[in-house]
Amino acid sequence: MKHTSRFTFSICLILLSLTGNAQEKPTTGTTQGKAEQSQTKKDSISPKKERYGLRVGVDLFKLTRSFYEKDYRGLELVGDYRLTRRHYLAAEIGNENKTVDDDHLNFTTKGTYLKAGFDYNTYQNWLNMENIISVGLRYGVSSFSQTLNSFQIYNPNPYFGEAPVIQSGQEFKGLSAQWVEVVAGVKTEVFKNIFVGFSIRLNRMISQKLPDNFDNLYIPGFNRTYNGDFGVGFNYTVSYFIPLYKSTVKAKDKTEKKDKREKKKKK
């Protein structure tokens, strides 16, 4: 009887041990499976990539102005190339032909200009957005000519009437000017790869070649010079983005974005 009890107790102990081992193995397998699935999920998340390329367009302001203003003809082509995540090389090239008719003076200015510099994108895009809110700098050069069509000598005491208008037609060739511009602008993607934007410019003259017995009252690319060496400009553009390649966003960049968002939320 004692031997039978011992035998029964031993069998029960062995069965309990086997049952415990059987339960431990699936649990371990399940844990490992979850870890492997989690690692696979992490590995399956593709890194974010951003597009780099060339954007080319036209200034609609100058283009449409040529249709509704009879004394003006102009065209400006614009372009920029994405150099880094936030820096863009930028340039504008154009041609203007403008006749100014003032109270005592009528003249025509025509010539070409080139502006080159950079833009810095201050806007933090979400997801796959590629919009731009930028500040930048340009160096501009212009080559042009002036034609004095007619003028009227100023008479401070018009007791006997105004002085007659004198037809001139004198042309001043080989004129030039150089200046710098501070630029602030916006570009927004309205359709795939098509951007609409505008910019405001503050100009400061560096040097200019003046005609004899006359002045550069209007310079292509710089605009009016009536206020001395300072001027202002504006353009409204539509451009097309040509993607050339993609670059992977580094983990450091993603961490910086996350930190900035958390700081904003705390504020």
C-alpha atoms as a PDB file:
ATOM      1  CA  MET A   1       0.000   0.000   0.000  1.00  0.00           C
ATOM      2  CA  LYS A   2       2.824   2.374   0.875  1.00  0.00           C
ATOM      3  CA  HIS A   3       4.570   1.523  -2.398  1.00  0.00           C
ATOM      4  CA  THR A   4       1.369   2.187  -4.335  1.00  0.00           C
ATOM      5  CA  SER A   5       0.911   5.609  -2.696  1.00  0.00           C
ATOM      6  CA  ARG A   6       4.499   6.574  -3.392  1.00  0.00           C
ATOM      7  CA  PHE A   7       4.147   5.474  -7.028  1.00  0.00           C
ATOM      8  CA  THR A   8       0.922   7.452  -7.468  1.00  0.00           C
ATOM      9  CA  PHE A   9       2.456  10.567  -5.869  1.00  0.00           C
ATOM     10  CA  SER A  10       5.522  10.290  -8.160  1.00  0.00           C
ATOM     11  CA  ILE A  11       3.357  10.040 -11.273  1.00  0.00           C
ATOM     12  CA  CYS A  12       1.352  13.110 -10.217  1.00  0.00           C
ATOM     13  CA  LEU A  13       4.561  15.084  -9.570  1.00  0.00           C
ATOM     14  CA  ILE A  14       5.938  14.153 -13.001  1.00  0.00           C
ATOM     15  CA  LEU A  15       2.666  15.147 -14.734  1.00  0.00           C
ATOM     16  CA  LEU A  16       2.603  18.494 -12.933  1.00  0.00           C
ATOM     17  CA  SER A  17       6.216  19.129 -13.972  1.00  0.00           C
ATOM     18  CA  LEU A  18       5.478  18.325 -17.620  1.00  0.00           C
ATOM     19  CA  THR A  19       2.390  20.540 -17.588  1.00  0.00           C
ATOM     20  CA  GLY A  20       4.435  23.453 -16.203  1.00  0.00           C
ATOM     21  CA  ASN A  21       7.119  23.039 -18.852  1.00  0.00           C
ATOM     22  CA  ALA A  22       4.499  22.881 -21.595  1.00  0.00           C
ATOM     23  CA  GLN A  23       2.951  26.136 -20.370  1.00  0.00           C
ATOM     24  CA  GLU A  24       6.327  27.907 -20.123  1.00  0.00           C
ATOM     25  CA  LYS A  25       7.383  27.093 -23.678  1.00  0.00           C
ATOM     26  CA  PRO A  26       4.388  28.714 -25.439  1.00  0.00           C
ATOM     27  CA  THR A  27       4.703  31.763 -23.166  1.00  0.00           C
ATOM     28  CA  THR A  28       8.363  32.168 -24.055  1.00  0.00           C
ATOM     29  CA  GLY A  29       7.588  31.623 -27.717  1.00  0.00           C
ATOM     30  CA  THR A  30       4.820  34.227 -27.600  1.00  0.00           C
ATOM     31  CA  THR A  31       7.102  36.824 -25.971  1.00  0.00           C
ATOM     32  CA  GLN A  32       9.814  36.239 -28.515  1.00  0.00           C
ATOM     33  CA  GLY A  33       7.240  36.408 -31.302  1.00  0.00           C
ATOM     34  CA  LYS A  34       5.976  39.764 -30.095  1.00  0.00           C
ATOM     35  CA  ALA A  35       9.517  41.119 -29.854  1.00  0.00           C
ATOM     36  CA  GLU A  36      10.290  39.926 -33.375  1.00  0.00           C
ATOM     37  CA  GLN A  37       7.063  41.459 -34.718  1.00  0.00           C
ATOM     38  CA  SER A  38       7.846  44.749 -32.981  1.00  0.00           C
ATOM     39  CA  GLN A  39      11.362  44.803 -34.423  1.00  0.00           C
ATOM     40  CA  THR A  40      10.021  43.935 -37.879  1.00  0.00           C
ATOM     41  CA  LYS A  41       7.487  46.750 -37.617  1.00  0.00           C
ATOM     42  CA  LYS A  42      10.223  49.219 -36.702  1.00  0.00           C
ATOM     43  CA  ASP A  43      12.404  48.041 -39.563  1.00  0.00           C
ATOM     44  CA  SER A  44       9.480  48.276 -42.007  1.00  0.00           C
ATOM     45  CA  ILE A  45       8.996  52.057 -41.385  1.00  0.00           C
ATOM     46  CA  SER A  46      10.690  53.700 -44.342  1.00  0.00           C
ATOM     47  CA  PRO A  47      12.798  56.800 -43.597  1.00  0.00           C
ATOM     48  CA  LYS A  48      11.363  60.161 -44.674  1.00  0.00           C
ATOM     49  CA  LYS A  49      12.760  61.589 -47.879  1.00  0.00           C
ATOM     50  CA  GLU A  50      12.589  65.143 -49.216  1.00  0.00           C
ATOM     51  CA  ARG A  51      12.780  66.255 -52.839  1.00  0.00           C
ATOM     52  CA  TYR A  52      15.556  68.398 -54.260  1.00  0.00           C
ATOM     53  CA  GLY A  53      15.465  70.059 -57.642  1.00  0.00           C
ATOM     54  CA  LEU A  54      15.078  73.156 -59.792  1.00  0.00           C
ATOM     55  CA  ARG A  55      12.079  75.517 -59.826  1.00  0.00           C
ATOM     56  CA  VAL A  56      11.576  77.798 -62.856  1.00  0.00           C
ATOM     57  CA  GLY A  57       8.829  80.328 -63.513  1.00  0.00           C
ATOM     58  CA  VAL A  58       7.757  83.758 -64.705  1.00  0.00           C
ATOM     59  CA  ASP A  59       6.750  87.036 -63.061  1.00  0.00           C
ATOM     60  CA  LEU A  60       3.050  87.473 -63.848  1.00  0.00           C
ATOM     61  CA  PHE A  61       3.073  91.086 -62.656  1.00  0.00           C
ATOM     62  CA  LYS A  62       5.467  92.280 -65.366  1.00  0.00           C
ATOM     63  CA  LEU A  63       3.897  90.014 -67.968  1.00  0.00           C
ATOM     64  CA  THR A  64       0.332  91.256 -67.459  1.00  0.00           C
ATOM     65  CA  ARG A  65       1.494  94.851 -66.994  1.00  0.00           C
ATOM     66  CA  SER A  66       2.723  94.771 -70.599  1.00  0.00           C
ATOM     67  CA  PHE A  67      -0.870  94.278 -71.760  1.00  0.00           C
ATOM     68  CA  TYR A  68      -2.690  96.976 -69.797  1.00  0.00           C
ATOM     69  CA  GLU A  69       0.054  99.671 -69.695  1.00  0.00           C
ATOM     70  CA  LYS A  70       0.882 101.012 -73.173  1.00  0.00           C
ATOM     71  CA  ASP A  71       4.198 102.622 -72.150  1.00  0.00           C
ATOM     72  CA  TYR A  72       5.643  99.466 -70.593  1.00  0.00           C
ATOM     73  CA  ARG A  73       7.057  96.182 -71.907  1.00  0.00           C
ATOM     74  CA  GLY A  74       8.712  93.731 -69.583  1.00  0.00           C
ATOM     75  CA  LEU A  75       9.432  90.073 -68.868  1.00  0.00           C
ATOM     76  CA  GLU A  76      11.125  88.420 -65.898  1.00  0.00           C
ATOM     77  CA  LEU A  77      12.072  84.763 -65.524  1.00  0.00           C
ATOM     78  CA  VAL A  78      12.700  83.403 -62.025  1.00  0.00           C
ATOM     79  CA  GLY A  79      14.366  80.286 -60.708  1.00  0.00           C
ATOM     80  CA  ASP A  80      15.736  78.657 -57.591  1.00  0.00           C
ATOM     81  CA  TYR A  81      17.631  75.492 -56.736  1.00  0.00           C
ATOM     82  CA  ARG A  82      17.332  73.707 -53.386  1.00  0.00           C
ATOM     83  CA  LEU A  83      20.845  73.501 -51.991  1.00  0.00           C
ATOM     84  CA  THR A  84      20.110  72.225 -48.446  1.00  0.00           C
ATOM     85  CA  ARG A  85      16.959  71.587 -46.418  1.00  0.00           C
ATOM     86  CA  ARG A  86      16.459  75.334 -45.897  1.00  0.00           C
ATOM     87  CA  HIS A  87      18.826  77.120 -48.295  1.00  0.00           C
ATOM     88  CA  TYR A  88      18.039  77.873 -51.926  1.00  0.00           C
ATOM     89  CA  LEU A  89      20.147  79.449 -54.646  1.00  0.00           C
ATOM     90  CA  ALA A  90      17.910  81.968 -56.434  1.00  0.00           C
ATOM     91  CA  ALA A  91      18.080  84.218 -59.502  1.00  0.00           C
ATOM     92  CA  GLU A  92      15.946  86.471 -61.692  1.00  0.00           C
ATOM     93  CA  ILE A  93      16.697  87.629 -65.226  1.00  0.00           C
ATOM     94  CA  GLY A  94      14.600  90.135 -67.141  1.00  0.00           C
ATOM     95  CA  ASN A  95      14.155  92.847 -69.706  1.00  0.00           C
ATOM     96  CA  GLU A  96      12.269  96.149 -69.438  1.00  0.00           C
ATOM     97  CA  ASN A  97      11.284  98.926 -71.834  1.00  0.00           C
ATOM     98  CA  LYS A  98       9.510 101.796 -70.102  1.00  0.00           C
ATOM     99  CA  THR A  99       8.547 105.314 -71.132  1.00  0.00           C
ATOM    100  CA  VAL A 100       8.005 107.863 -68.354  1.00  0.00           C
ATOM    101  CA  ASP A 101       5.959 110.981 -69.113  1.00  0.00           C
ATOM    102  CA  ASP A 102       6.246 113.562 -66.352  1.00  0.00           C
ATOM    103  CA  ASP A 103       5.112 117.176 -66.269  1.00  0.00           C
ATOM    104  CA  HIS A 104       8.386 118.512 -67.689  1.00  0.00           C
ATOM    105  CA  LEU A 105      10.118 115.401 -68.950  1.00  0.00           C
ATOM    106  CA  ASN A 106       9.508 112.441 -71.258  1.00  0.00           C
ATOM    107  CA  PHE A 107      12.128 109.698 -71.516  1.00  0.00           C
ATOM    108  CA  THR A 108      12.439 106.005 -72.398  1.00  0.00           C
ATOM    109  CA  THR A 109      14.597 103.445 -70.576  1.00  0.00           C
ATOM    110  CA  LYS A 110      15.292  99.989 -71.961  1.00  0.00           C
ATOM    111  CA  GLY A 111      17.708  97.264 -70.976  1.00  0.00           C
ATOM    112  CA  THR A 112      18.307  93.911 -69.275  1.00  0.00           C
ATOM    113  CA  TYR A 113      19.169  92.880 -65.724  1.00  0.00           C
ATOM    114  CA  LEU A 114      20.273  89.902 -63.669  1.00  0.00           C
ATOM    115  CA  LYS A 115      19.847  89.255 -59.939  1.00  0.00           C
ATOM    116  CA  ALA A 116      21.504  86.370 -58.101  1.00  0.00           C
ATOM    117  CA  GLY A 117      21.622  85.337 -54.465  1.00  0.00           C
ATOM    118  CA  PHE A 118      19.990  83.000 -51.960  1.00  0.00           C
ATOM    119  CA  ASP A 119      16.775  82.402 -49.997  1.00  0.00           C
ATOM    120  CA  TYR A 120      16.370  80.885 -46.529  1.00  0.00           C
ATOM    121  CA  ASN A 121      13.129  79.017 -45.816  1.00  0.00           C
ATOM    122  CA  THR A 122      11.821  79.880 -42.339  1.00  0.00           C
ATOM    123  CA  TYR A 123       8.680  77.725 -42.641  1.00  0.00           C
ATOM    124  CA  GLN A 124       8.453  74.342 -40.901  1.00  0.00           C
ATOM    125  CA  ASN A 125       6.556  72.084 -43.333  1.00  0.00           C
ATOM    126  CA  TRP A 126       4.297  69.235 -42.208  1.00  0.00           C
ATOM    127  CA  LEU A 127       4.323  65.773 -43.793  1.00  0.00           C
ATOM    128  CA  ASN A 128       5.160  66.109 -47.517  1.00  0.00           C
ATOM    129  CA  MET A 129       4.447  69.835 -47.829  1.00  0.00           C
ATOM    130  CA  GLU A 130       7.038  71.935 -49.690  1.00  0.00           C
ATOM    131  CA  ASN A 131       5.825  75.500 -49.058  1.00  0.00           C
ATOM    132  CA  ILE A 132       8.259  78.353 -48.497  1.00  0.00           C
ATOM    133  CA  ILE A 133       8.243  81.512 -46.383  1.00  0.00           C
ATOM    134  CA  SER A 134      11.651  82.965 -47.104  1.00  0.00           C
ATOM    135  CA  VAL A 135      14.045  85.817 -46.522  1.00  0.00           C
ATOM    136  CA  GLY A 136      16.996  86.359 -48.786  1.00  0.00           C
ATOM    137  CA  LEU A 137      19.536  88.560 -50.458  1.00  0.00           C
ATOM    138  CA  ARG A 138      20.266  89.435 -54.099  1.00  0.00           C
ATOM    139  CA  TYR A 139      23.040  91.180 -55.989  1.00  0.00           C
ATOM    140  CA  GLY A 140      21.704  92.919 -59.090  1.00  0.00           C
ATOM    141  CA  VAL A 141      23.365  94.261 -62.229  1.00  0.00           C
ATOM    142  CA  SER A 142      21.716  96.097 -65.119  1.00  0.00           C
ATOM    143  CA  SER A 143      22.835  97.259 -68.562  1.00  0.00           C
ATOM    144  CA  PHE A 144      20.565  99.788 -70.265  1.00  0.00           C
ATOM    145  CA  SER A 145      20.147 102.958 -72.332  1.00  0.00           C
ATOM    146  CA  GLN A 146      18.137 106.161 -71.880  1.00  0.00           C
ATOM    147  CA  THR A 147      16.465 108.262 -74.554  1.00  0.00           C
ATOM    148  CA  LEU A 148      15.417 111.814 -73.766  1.00  0.00           C
ATOM    149  CA  ASN A 149      12.296 112.201 -75.921  1.00  0.00           C
ATOM    150  CA  SER A 150      11.281 115.709 -74.890  1.00  0.00           C
ATOM    151  CA  PHE A 151      11.639 118.177 -72.046  1.00  0.00           C
ATOM    152  CA  GLN A 152      10.333 121.531 -70.867  1.00  0.00           C
ATOM    153  CA  ILE A 153      12.450 124.101 -69.094  1.00  0.00           C
ATOM    154  CA  TYR A 154      11.052 124.869 -65.677  1.00  0.00           C
ATOM    155  CA  ASN A 155       9.787 128.431 -65.321  1.00  0.00           C
ATOM    156  CA  PRO A 156       9.233 129.496 -61.679  1.00  0.00           C
ATOM    157  CA  ASN A 157       7.396 132.687 -62.782  1.00  0.00           C
ATOM    158  CA  PRO A 158       5.044 131.717 -65.623  1.00  0.00           C
ATOM    159  CA  TYR A 159       3.702 135.281 -66.037  1.00  0.00           C
ATOM    160  CA  PHE A 160       4.022 135.130 -69.803  1.00  0.00           C
ATOM    161  CA  GLY A 161       2.946 131.469 -70.022  1.00  0.00           C
ATOM    162  CA  GLU A 162       4.714 128.108 -69.854  1.00  0.00           C
ATOM    163  CA  ALA A 163       7.968 127.439 -71.682  1.00  0.00           C
ATOM    164  CA  PRO A 164       7.607 125.445 -74.920  1.00  0.00           C
ATOM    165  CA  VAL A 165       8.227 121.687 -75.011  1.00  0.00           C
ATOM    166  CA  ILE A 166      11.547 120.862 -76.691  1.00  0.00           C
ATOM    167  CA  GLN A 167      11.762 117.661 -78.721  1.00  0.00           C
ATOM    168  CA  SER A 168      15.140 116.038 -78.164  1.00  0.00           C
ATOM    169  CA  GLY A 169      15.555 112.366 -79.070  1.00  0.00           C
ATOM    170  CA  GLN A 170      19.057 112.297 -77.543  1.00  0.00           C
ATOM    171  CA  GLU A 171      20.114 108.768 -76.616  1.00  0.00           C
ATOM    172  CA  PHE A 172      22.544 107.748 -73.863  1.00  0.00           C
ATOM    173  CA  LYS A 173      24.010 104.270 -74.370  1.00  0.00           C
ATOM    174  CA  GLY A 174      26.288 101.998 -72.353  1.00  0.00           C
ATOM    175  CA  LEU A 175      24.762 102.804 -68.966  1.00  0.00           C
ATOM    176  CA  SER A 176      24.957 100.368 -66.036  1.00  0.00           C
ATOM    177  CA  ALA A 177      24.056  99.986 -62.374  1.00  0.00           C
ATOM    178  CA  GLN A 178      24.731  97.613 -59.474  1.00  0.00           C
ATOM    179  CA  TRP A 179      22.737  97.177 -56.281  1.00  0.00           C
ATOM    180  CA  VAL A 180      21.765  94.798 -53.467  1.00  0.00           C
ATOM    181  CA  GLU A 181      18.269  93.658 -52.501  1.00  0.00           C
ATOM    182  CA  VAL A 182      16.755  92.345 -49.286  1.00  0.00           C
ATOM    183  CA  VAL A 183      13.949  89.950 -50.255  1.00  0.00           C
ATOM    184  CA  ALA A 184      10.982  88.516 -48.327  1.00  0.00           C
ATOM    185  CA  GLY A 185       8.632  86.136 -50.101  1.00  0.00           C
ATOM    186  CA  VAL A 186       6.175  83.247 -50.066  1.00  0.00           C
ATOM    187  CA  LYS A 187       5.731  80.239 -52.362  1.00  0.00           C
ATOM    188  CA  THR A 188       2.789  77.829 -52.044  1.00  0.00           C
ATOM    189  CA  GLU A 189       2.161  74.592 -53.945  1.00  0.00           C
ATOM    190  CA  VAL A 190      -1.340  74.890 -55.439  1.00  0.00           C
ATOM    191  CA  PHE A 191      -1.121  71.812 -57.690  1.00  0.00           C
ATOM    192  CA  LYS A 192       1.452  69.058 -57.947  1.00  0.00           C
ATOM    193  CA  ASN A 193       4.813  70.734 -58.676  1.00  0.00           C
ATOM    194  CA  ILE A 194       3.118  74.072 -59.480  1.00  0.00           C
ATOM    195  CA  PHE A 195       3.850  76.945 -57.097  1.00  0.00           C
ATOM    196  CA  VAL A 196       2.388  80.432 -56.808  1.00  0.00           C
ATOM    197  CA  GLY A 197       4.262  83.105 -54.878  1.00  0.00           C
ATOM    198  CA  PHE A 198       5.089  86.736 -54.365  1.00  0.00           C
ATOM    199  CA  SER A 199       8.001  88.733 -52.974  1.00  0.00           C
ATOM    200  CA  ILE A 200       8.742  92.248 -51.725  1.00  0.00           C
ATOM    201  CA  ARG A 201      12.194  93.799 -52.257  1.00  0.00           C
ATOM    202  CA  LEU A 202      14.081  96.697 -50.727  1.00  0.00           C
ATOM    203  CA  ASN A 203      16.931  97.916 -52.971  1.00  0.00           C
ATOM    204  CA  ARG A 204      20.096  99.852 -52.155  1.00  0.00           C
ATOM    205  CA  MET A 205      22.242 101.256 -54.980  1.00  0.00           C
ATOM    206  CA  ILE A 206      25.956 100.451 -54.898  1.00  0.00           C
ATOM    207  CA  SER A 207      27.175 102.127 -58.077  1.00  0.00           C
ATOM    208  CA  GLN A 208      25.866 103.446 -61.395  1.00  0.00           C
ATOM    209  CA  LYS A 209      27.164 105.001 -64.592  1.00  0.00           C
ATOM    210  CA  LEU A 210      25.378 108.317 -65.189  1.00  0.00           C
ATOM    211  CA  PRO A 211      24.782 109.913 -68.615  1.00  0.00           C
ATOM    212  CA  ASP A 212      26.159 113.379 -69.400  1.00  0.00           C
ATOM    213  CA  ASN A 213      23.803 116.207 -68.429  1.00  0.00           C
ATOM    214  CA  PHE A 214      21.098 113.720 -67.440  1.00  0.00           C
ATOM    215  CA  ASP A 215      20.274 111.201 -64.702  1.00  0.00           C
ATOM    216  CA  ASN A 216      19.184 107.569 -64.348  1.00  0.00           C
ATOM    217  CA  LEU A 217      15.601 108.165 -63.308  1.00  0.00           C
ATOM    218  CA  TYR A 218      14.523 104.581 -64.015  1.00  0.00           C
ATOM    219  CA  ILE A 219      16.757 101.492 -64.048  1.00  0.00           C
ATOM    220  CA  PRO A 220      15.559  98.092 -65.364  1.00  0.00           C
ATOM    221  CA  GLY A 221      15.352  95.681 -62.445  1.00  0.00           C
ATOM    222  CA  PHE A 222      15.825  98.419 -59.851  1.00  0.00           C
ATOM    223  CA  ASN A 223      12.753 100.545 -60.725  1.00  0.00           C
ATOM    224  CA  ARG A 224      12.493 104.266 -59.919  1.00  0.00           C
ATOM    225  CA  THR A 225      15.401 106.163 -58.449  1.00  0.00           C
ATOM    226  CA  TYR A 226      13.548 109.361 -57.515  1.00  0.00           C
ATOM    227  CA  ASN A 227      14.268 108.759 -53.833  1.00  0.00           C
ATOM    228  CA  GLY A 228      18.047 108.684 -54.160  1.00  0.00           C
ATOM    229  CA  ASP A 229      19.880 105.373 -53.812  1.00  0.00           C
ATOM    230  CA  PHE A 230      16.908 103.428 -52.442  1.00  0.00           C
ATOM    231  CA  GLY A 231      14.152 101.652 -54.319  1.00  0.00           C
ATOM    232  CA  VAL A 232      11.444  99.025 -53.874  1.00  0.00           C
ATOM    233  CA  GLY A 233      10.266  96.122 -56.007  1.00  0.00           C
ATOM    234  CA  PHE A 234       7.557  93.494 -56.172  1.00  0.00           C
ATOM    235  CA  ASN A 235       6.830  90.358 -58.167  1.00  0.00           C
ATOM    236  CA  TYR A 236       4.038  87.781 -58.398  1.00  0.00           C
ATOM    237  CA  THR A 237       5.219  84.475 -59.800  1.00  0.00           C
ATOM    238  CA  VAL A 238       3.999  81.110 -61.002  1.00  0.00           C
ATOM    239  CA  SER A 239       6.659  78.405 -61.250  1.00  0.00           C
ATOM    240  CA  TYR A 240       7.115  74.694 -61.900  1.00  0.00           C
ATOM    241  CA  PHE A 241       9.269  72.417 -59.741  1.00  0.00           C
ATOM    242  CA  ILE A 242      11.493  69.890 -61.538  1.00  0.00           C
ATOM    243  CA  PRO A 243      12.484  67.162 -59.026  1.00  0.00           C
ATOM    244  CA  LEU A 244      16.003  65.831 -59.591  1.00  0.00           C
ATOM    245  CA  TYR A 245      16.628  63.563 -56.597  1.00  0.00           C
ATOM    246  CA  LYS A 246      15.518  62.724 -53.052  1.00  0.00           C
ATOM    247  CA  SER A 247      17.488  62.949 -49.833  1.00  0.00           C
ATOM    248  CA  THR A 248      16.791  61.046 -46.602  1.00  0.00           C
ATOM    249  CA  VAL A 249      15.980  63.175 -43.562  1.00  0.00           C
ATOM    250  CA  LYS A 250      18.445  62.386 -40.804  1.00  0.00           C
ATOM    251  CA  ALA A 251      17.263  61.193 -37.397  1.00  0.00           C
ATOM    252  CA  LYS A 252      18.768  64.320 -35.873  1.00  0.00           C
ATOM    253  CA  ASP A 253      16.488  66.474 -37.999  1.00  0.00           C
ATOM    254  CA  LYS A 254      13.429  64.488 -36.904  1.00  0.00           C
ATOM    255  CA  THR A 255      14.428  64.841 -33.241  1.00  0.00           C
ATOM    256  CA  GLU A 256      14.837  68.601 -33.646  1.00  0.00           C
ATOM    257  CA  LYS A 257      11.340  68.828 -35.155  1.00  0.00           C
ATOM    258  CA  LYS A 258       9.862  66.824 -32.266  1.00  0.00           C
ATOM    259  CA  ASP A 259      11.604  69.005 -29.672  1.00  0.00           C
ATOM    260  CA  LYS A 260      10.333  72.200 -31.321  1.00  0.00           C
ATOM    261  CA  ARG A 261       6.754  70.887 -31.357  1.00  0.00           C
ATOM    262  CA  GLU A 262       6.948  69.918 -27.679  1.00  0.00           C
ATOM    263  CA  LYS A 263       8.270  73.397 -26.798  1.00  0.00           C
ATOM    264  CA  LYS A 264       5.397  75.009 -28.665  1.00  0.00           C
ATOM    265  CA  LYS A 265       2.864  72.846 -26.823  1.00  0.00           C
ATOM    266  CA  LYS A 266       4.366  73.793 -23.448  1.00  0.00           C
ATOM    267  CA  LYS A 267       4.128  77.491 -24.307  1.00  0.00           C
END
